[in-house]
N, C-alpha and C. Protein backbone atom coordinates (compact mmCIF):
# COMPACT_ATOMS: atom_id res chain seq x y z
N MET A 1 -7.71 2.64 11.73
CA MET A 1 -6.60 2.50 10.81
C MET A 1 -7.13 2.37 9.38
N LYS A 2 -6.47 3.03 8.47
CA LYS A 2 -6.82 2.95 7.05
C LYS A 2 -6.56 1.54 6.55
N LEU A 3 -7.49 0.99 5.76
CA LEU A 3 -7.37 -0.38 5.28
C LEU A 3 -7.23 -0.50 3.76
N ASP A 4 -7.43 0.60 3.02
CA ASP A 4 -7.25 0.55 1.58
C ASP A 4 -6.32 1.67 1.13
N PHE A 5 -5.52 1.38 0.12
CA PHE A 5 -4.48 2.31 -0.30
C PHE A 5 -4.43 2.39 -1.82
N ASP A 6 -4.19 3.57 -2.34
CA ASP A 6 -4.03 3.79 -3.77
C ASP A 6 -2.55 4.08 -4.02
N VAL A 7 -1.86 3.14 -4.63
CA VAL A 7 -0.42 3.28 -4.86
C VAL A 7 -0.13 4.52 -5.70
N ASN A 8 -1.02 4.85 -6.61
CA ASN A 8 -0.80 6.04 -7.45
C ASN A 8 -0.74 7.33 -6.62
N ASN A 9 -1.49 7.39 -5.51
CA ASN A 9 -1.40 8.56 -4.62
C ASN A 9 0.00 8.66 -4.01
N SER A 10 0.57 7.53 -3.63
CA SER A 10 1.92 7.53 -3.08
C SER A 10 2.94 7.93 -4.14
N ILE A 11 2.74 7.48 -5.36
CA ILE A 11 3.65 7.86 -6.45
C ILE A 11 3.60 9.36 -6.68
N GLU A 12 2.41 9.95 -6.62
CA GLU A 12 2.28 11.41 -6.78
C GLU A 12 2.97 12.15 -5.64
N LYS A 13 2.87 11.63 -4.41
CA LYS A 13 3.56 12.25 -3.27
C LYS A 13 5.07 12.24 -3.49
N ILE A 14 5.58 11.14 -4.02
CA ILE A 14 7.02 11.03 -4.29
C ILE A 14 7.43 12.08 -5.32
N LYS A 15 6.66 12.21 -6.38
CA LYS A 15 7.00 13.14 -7.46
C LYS A 15 6.99 14.59 -6.99
N LYS A 16 6.26 14.89 -5.91
CA LYS A 16 6.20 16.26 -5.38
C LYS A 16 7.19 16.48 -4.24
N SER A 17 8.02 15.49 -3.96
CA SER A 17 8.97 15.61 -2.85
C SER A 17 10.40 15.37 -3.34
N SER A 18 11.33 15.45 -2.42
CA SER A 18 12.73 15.17 -2.76
C SER A 18 13.09 13.71 -2.46
N MET A 19 12.12 12.93 -1.99
CA MET A 19 12.34 11.52 -1.66
C MET A 19 12.01 10.66 -2.88
N TYR A 20 12.56 9.45 -2.92
CA TYR A 20 12.23 8.53 -4.00
C TYR A 20 11.39 7.35 -3.51
N PHE A 21 10.92 7.42 -2.26
CA PHE A 21 10.05 6.36 -1.73
C PHE A 21 9.02 6.96 -0.79
N HIS A 22 7.93 6.22 -0.58
CA HIS A 22 6.89 6.63 0.36
C HIS A 22 6.33 5.38 1.03
N THR A 23 6.41 5.32 2.35
CA THR A 23 5.87 4.21 3.12
C THR A 23 4.44 4.56 3.50
N PHE A 24 3.46 3.75 3.06
CA PHE A 24 2.07 4.06 3.36
C PHE A 24 1.48 3.19 4.47
N ILE A 25 2.15 2.10 4.82
CA ILE A 25 1.80 1.32 6.02
C ILE A 25 3.08 1.22 6.84
N ASN A 26 2.98 1.57 8.13
CA ASN A 26 4.17 1.50 8.98
C ASN A 26 3.76 1.06 10.39
N LYS A 27 3.60 -0.25 10.55
CA LYS A 27 3.21 -0.85 11.82
C LYS A 27 4.42 -1.61 12.37
N SER A 28 4.35 -2.02 13.62
CA SER A 28 5.47 -2.74 14.21
C SER A 28 5.70 -4.10 13.54
N SER A 29 4.65 -4.67 12.97
CA SER A 29 4.76 -6.00 12.36
C SER A 29 4.89 -5.99 10.83
N LEU A 30 4.61 -4.83 10.19
CA LEU A 30 4.63 -4.76 8.73
C LEU A 30 4.76 -3.32 8.26
N ALA A 31 5.56 -3.14 7.23
CA ALA A 31 5.62 -1.84 6.54
C ALA A 31 5.48 -2.12 5.05
N ALA A 32 4.82 -1.19 4.36
CA ALA A 32 4.66 -1.32 2.91
C ALA A 32 4.74 0.06 2.29
N GLY A 33 5.28 0.11 1.09
CA GLY A 33 5.39 1.39 0.41
C GLY A 33 5.77 1.20 -1.04
N VAL A 34 6.09 2.30 -1.67
CA VAL A 34 6.47 2.28 -3.08
C VAL A 34 7.70 3.14 -3.26
N LEU A 35 8.58 2.71 -4.16
CA LEU A 35 9.73 3.55 -4.52
C LEU A 35 9.68 3.80 -6.02
N VAL A 36 10.14 4.98 -6.40
CA VAL A 36 10.19 5.38 -7.80
C VAL A 36 11.57 5.95 -8.07
N LEU A 37 12.29 5.33 -8.98
CA LEU A 37 13.61 5.83 -9.37
C LEU A 37 13.56 6.31 -10.82
N LYS A 38 13.96 7.55 -11.02
CA LYS A 38 14.07 8.07 -12.38
C LYS A 38 15.25 7.38 -13.07
N PRO A 39 15.29 7.38 -14.39
CA PRO A 39 16.43 6.74 -15.08
C PRO A 39 17.76 7.26 -14.53
N GLY A 40 18.61 6.32 -14.10
CA GLY A 40 19.93 6.66 -13.60
C GLY A 40 19.97 7.22 -12.19
N GLU A 41 18.82 7.41 -11.54
CA GLU A 41 18.80 7.95 -10.17
C GLU A 41 19.40 6.94 -9.20
N GLU A 42 20.15 7.41 -8.22
CA GLU A 42 20.83 6.54 -7.27
C GLU A 42 19.90 6.06 -6.17
N ASP A 43 19.94 4.77 -5.89
CA ASP A 43 19.22 4.17 -4.77
C ASP A 43 20.18 4.15 -3.59
N THR A 44 19.89 4.92 -2.57
CA THR A 44 20.82 5.11 -1.45
C THR A 44 20.48 4.28 -0.22
N GLN A 45 19.58 3.33 -0.34
CA GLN A 45 19.15 2.59 0.84
C GLN A 45 20.29 1.77 1.44
N ALA A 46 20.20 1.60 2.74
CA ALA A 46 21.14 0.77 3.50
C ALA A 46 20.42 -0.52 3.89
N PRO A 47 21.16 -1.56 4.27
CA PRO A 47 20.50 -2.79 4.71
C PRO A 47 19.51 -2.52 5.84
N HIS A 48 18.41 -3.26 5.84
CA HIS A 48 17.37 -3.09 6.84
C HIS A 48 17.47 -4.20 7.89
N ASP A 49 16.84 -3.97 9.03
CA ASP A 49 16.92 -4.95 10.11
C ASP A 49 15.75 -5.93 10.10
N THR A 50 15.01 -5.98 8.97
CA THR A 50 13.95 -6.97 8.79
C THR A 50 14.02 -7.50 7.35
N ASP A 51 13.42 -8.67 7.14
CA ASP A 51 13.33 -9.21 5.79
C ASP A 51 12.47 -8.29 4.92
N GLU A 52 12.72 -8.33 3.60
CA GLU A 52 11.97 -7.48 2.67
C GLU A 52 11.54 -8.26 1.44
N VAL A 53 10.46 -7.79 0.83
CA VAL A 53 10.02 -8.30 -0.46
C VAL A 53 9.80 -7.09 -1.36
N TYR A 54 10.29 -7.18 -2.59
CA TYR A 54 10.10 -6.13 -3.60
C TYR A 54 9.29 -6.72 -4.75
N TYR A 55 8.26 -5.98 -5.19
CA TYR A 55 7.47 -6.37 -6.35
C TYR A 55 7.57 -5.26 -7.39
N VAL A 56 8.06 -5.59 -8.57
CA VAL A 56 8.29 -4.59 -9.61
C VAL A 56 6.98 -4.31 -10.36
N ILE A 57 6.53 -3.05 -10.27
CA ILE A 57 5.33 -2.62 -10.98
C ILE A 57 5.67 -2.33 -12.43
N SER A 58 6.77 -1.61 -12.65
CA SER A 58 7.21 -1.28 -14.01
C SER A 58 8.65 -0.81 -13.98
N GLY A 59 9.27 -0.81 -15.16
CA GLY A 59 10.64 -0.32 -15.27
C GLY A 59 11.62 -1.42 -15.62
N ASP A 60 12.89 -1.07 -15.53
CA ASP A 60 13.97 -1.99 -15.87
C ASP A 60 15.14 -1.74 -14.95
N GLY A 61 16.24 -2.41 -15.22
CA GLY A 61 17.45 -2.23 -14.43
C GLY A 61 17.84 -3.50 -13.71
N PHE A 62 18.50 -3.31 -12.58
CA PHE A 62 19.01 -4.44 -11.80
C PHE A 62 18.82 -4.18 -10.31
N LEU A 63 18.71 -5.28 -9.56
CA LEU A 63 18.75 -5.23 -8.11
C LEU A 63 19.99 -6.01 -7.71
N LYS A 64 20.93 -5.31 -7.09
CA LYS A 64 22.15 -5.97 -6.62
C LYS A 64 21.91 -6.43 -5.19
N ILE A 65 22.01 -7.74 -4.98
CA ILE A 65 21.87 -8.34 -3.65
C ILE A 65 23.20 -8.99 -3.34
N LYS A 66 23.83 -8.53 -2.26
CA LYS A 66 25.21 -8.90 -1.96
C LYS A 66 26.06 -8.50 -3.15
N GLU A 67 26.65 -9.43 -3.85
CA GLU A 67 27.51 -9.10 -4.99
C GLU A 67 26.93 -9.55 -6.33
N LYS A 68 25.65 -9.99 -6.33
CA LYS A 68 25.06 -10.51 -7.56
C LYS A 68 23.97 -9.56 -8.07
N ASN A 69 23.97 -9.31 -9.39
CA ASN A 69 22.95 -8.49 -10.03
C ASN A 69 21.82 -9.36 -10.54
N TYR A 70 20.58 -8.97 -10.22
CA TYR A 70 19.39 -9.64 -10.71
C TYR A 70 18.64 -8.68 -11.63
N LYS A 71 18.28 -9.15 -12.82
CA LYS A 71 17.57 -8.32 -13.79
C LYS A 71 16.17 -7.99 -13.27
N VAL A 72 15.82 -6.72 -13.35
CA VAL A 72 14.53 -6.23 -12.89
C VAL A 72 13.61 -6.05 -14.10
N SER A 73 12.38 -6.52 -13.98
CA SER A 73 11.37 -6.29 -15.01
C SER A 73 9.99 -6.40 -14.38
N LYS A 74 8.99 -5.91 -15.11
CA LYS A 74 7.61 -5.90 -14.64
C LYS A 74 7.19 -7.27 -14.11
N ASP A 75 6.51 -7.25 -12.96
CA ASP A 75 5.93 -8.43 -12.32
C ASP A 75 6.94 -9.37 -11.67
N LYS A 76 8.22 -9.01 -11.59
CA LYS A 76 9.18 -9.84 -10.86
C LYS A 76 9.09 -9.51 -9.38
N LEU A 77 9.38 -10.49 -8.57
CA LEU A 77 9.36 -10.34 -7.12
C LEU A 77 10.70 -10.81 -6.57
N PHE A 78 11.22 -10.07 -5.60
CA PHE A 78 12.53 -10.39 -5.01
C PHE A 78 12.42 -10.44 -3.50
N PHE A 79 13.15 -11.36 -2.89
CA PHE A 79 13.27 -11.45 -1.43
C PHE A 79 14.68 -11.03 -1.04
N VAL A 80 14.77 -10.16 -0.04
CA VAL A 80 16.06 -9.76 0.51
C VAL A 80 16.02 -9.99 2.02
N ALA A 81 16.92 -10.81 2.52
CA ALA A 81 16.96 -11.09 3.95
C ALA A 81 17.46 -9.88 4.73
N LYS A 82 17.12 -9.84 6.00
CA LYS A 82 17.53 -8.72 6.84
C LYS A 82 19.05 -8.60 6.87
N ASP A 83 19.50 -7.37 7.00
CA ASP A 83 20.91 -7.03 7.12
C ASP A 83 21.75 -7.33 5.87
N VAL A 84 21.11 -7.61 4.73
CA VAL A 84 21.84 -7.91 3.50
C VAL A 84 21.93 -6.64 2.66
N LYS A 85 23.15 -6.32 2.21
CA LYS A 85 23.38 -5.15 1.39
C LYS A 85 22.72 -5.34 0.02
N HIS A 86 22.00 -4.30 -0.45
CA HIS A 86 21.30 -4.38 -1.72
C HIS A 86 20.94 -2.98 -2.21
N HIS A 87 20.73 -2.84 -3.52
CA HIS A 87 20.26 -1.58 -4.09
C HIS A 87 19.88 -1.78 -5.56
N PHE A 88 18.96 -0.94 -6.02
CA PHE A 88 18.56 -0.93 -7.42
C PHE A 88 19.53 -0.04 -8.19
N HIS A 89 19.78 -0.39 -9.46
CA HIS A 89 20.67 0.43 -10.28
C HIS A 89 20.49 0.11 -11.75
N GLY A 90 21.03 0.97 -12.59
CA GLY A 90 21.08 0.72 -14.03
C GLY A 90 19.77 0.83 -14.76
N ASN A 91 18.77 1.48 -14.17
CA ASN A 91 17.49 1.59 -14.87
C ASN A 91 17.54 2.69 -15.92
N LYS A 92 17.06 2.35 -17.11
CA LYS A 92 16.99 3.30 -18.22
C LYS A 92 15.57 3.86 -18.38
N LYS A 93 14.61 3.22 -17.71
CA LYS A 93 13.22 3.67 -17.66
C LYS A 93 12.90 3.97 -16.19
N GLU A 94 11.83 4.73 -15.97
CA GLU A 94 11.38 4.96 -14.60
C GLU A 94 11.05 3.61 -13.96
N LEU A 95 11.56 3.39 -12.76
CA LEU A 95 11.37 2.14 -12.04
C LEU A 95 10.40 2.37 -10.89
N LYS A 96 9.33 1.56 -10.84
CA LYS A 96 8.33 1.63 -9.77
C LYS A 96 8.28 0.27 -9.09
N VAL A 97 8.46 0.27 -7.77
CA VAL A 97 8.54 -0.98 -7.02
C VAL A 97 7.75 -0.86 -5.72
N LEU A 98 6.90 -1.86 -5.44
CA LEU A 98 6.26 -1.98 -4.13
C LEU A 98 7.23 -2.69 -3.21
N TYR A 99 7.28 -2.26 -1.95
CA TYR A 99 8.13 -2.96 -0.98
C TYR A 99 7.34 -3.29 0.27
N PHE A 100 7.75 -4.38 0.90
CA PHE A 100 7.13 -4.86 2.12
C PHE A 100 8.23 -5.27 3.08
N PHE A 101 8.17 -4.79 4.33
CA PHE A 101 9.12 -5.15 5.37
C PHE A 101 8.42 -6.01 6.41
N GLY A 102 9.12 -6.96 6.98
CA GLY A 102 8.58 -7.78 8.06
C GLY A 102 8.71 -7.08 9.39
N GLY A 103 8.39 -5.82 9.45
CA GLY A 103 8.47 -4.98 10.65
C GLY A 103 8.32 -3.54 10.22
N SER A 104 8.55 -2.62 11.11
CA SER A 104 8.37 -1.21 10.78
C SER A 104 9.52 -0.70 9.89
N ASP A 105 9.24 0.38 9.18
CA ASP A 105 10.23 1.04 8.33
C ASP A 105 10.87 2.14 9.17
N THR A 106 12.00 1.81 9.78
CA THR A 106 12.66 2.79 10.66
C THR A 106 13.95 3.29 10.05
């Protein structure tokens, strides 16, 4: 199993695809990846069946969790419990976020 990862490689894969995220670790106990949203691009994710953590690498905007908006900025970290509705929105700059799931990304 690969043990080291270059997030910039995942960002390049995203830019060459029609997806806005790339999962680079996908095990039964943990998944990790990066998402990149262009300014104004829609985040279409649905609630997940595991807890999640998001770490903002760069960008701006908001993360809506349930009905509350949280301001997104560099170096902020967010926890989203499993099955909770959430999405990023309102970014005026490119948004780059690392994500971690407490299980596989299915």
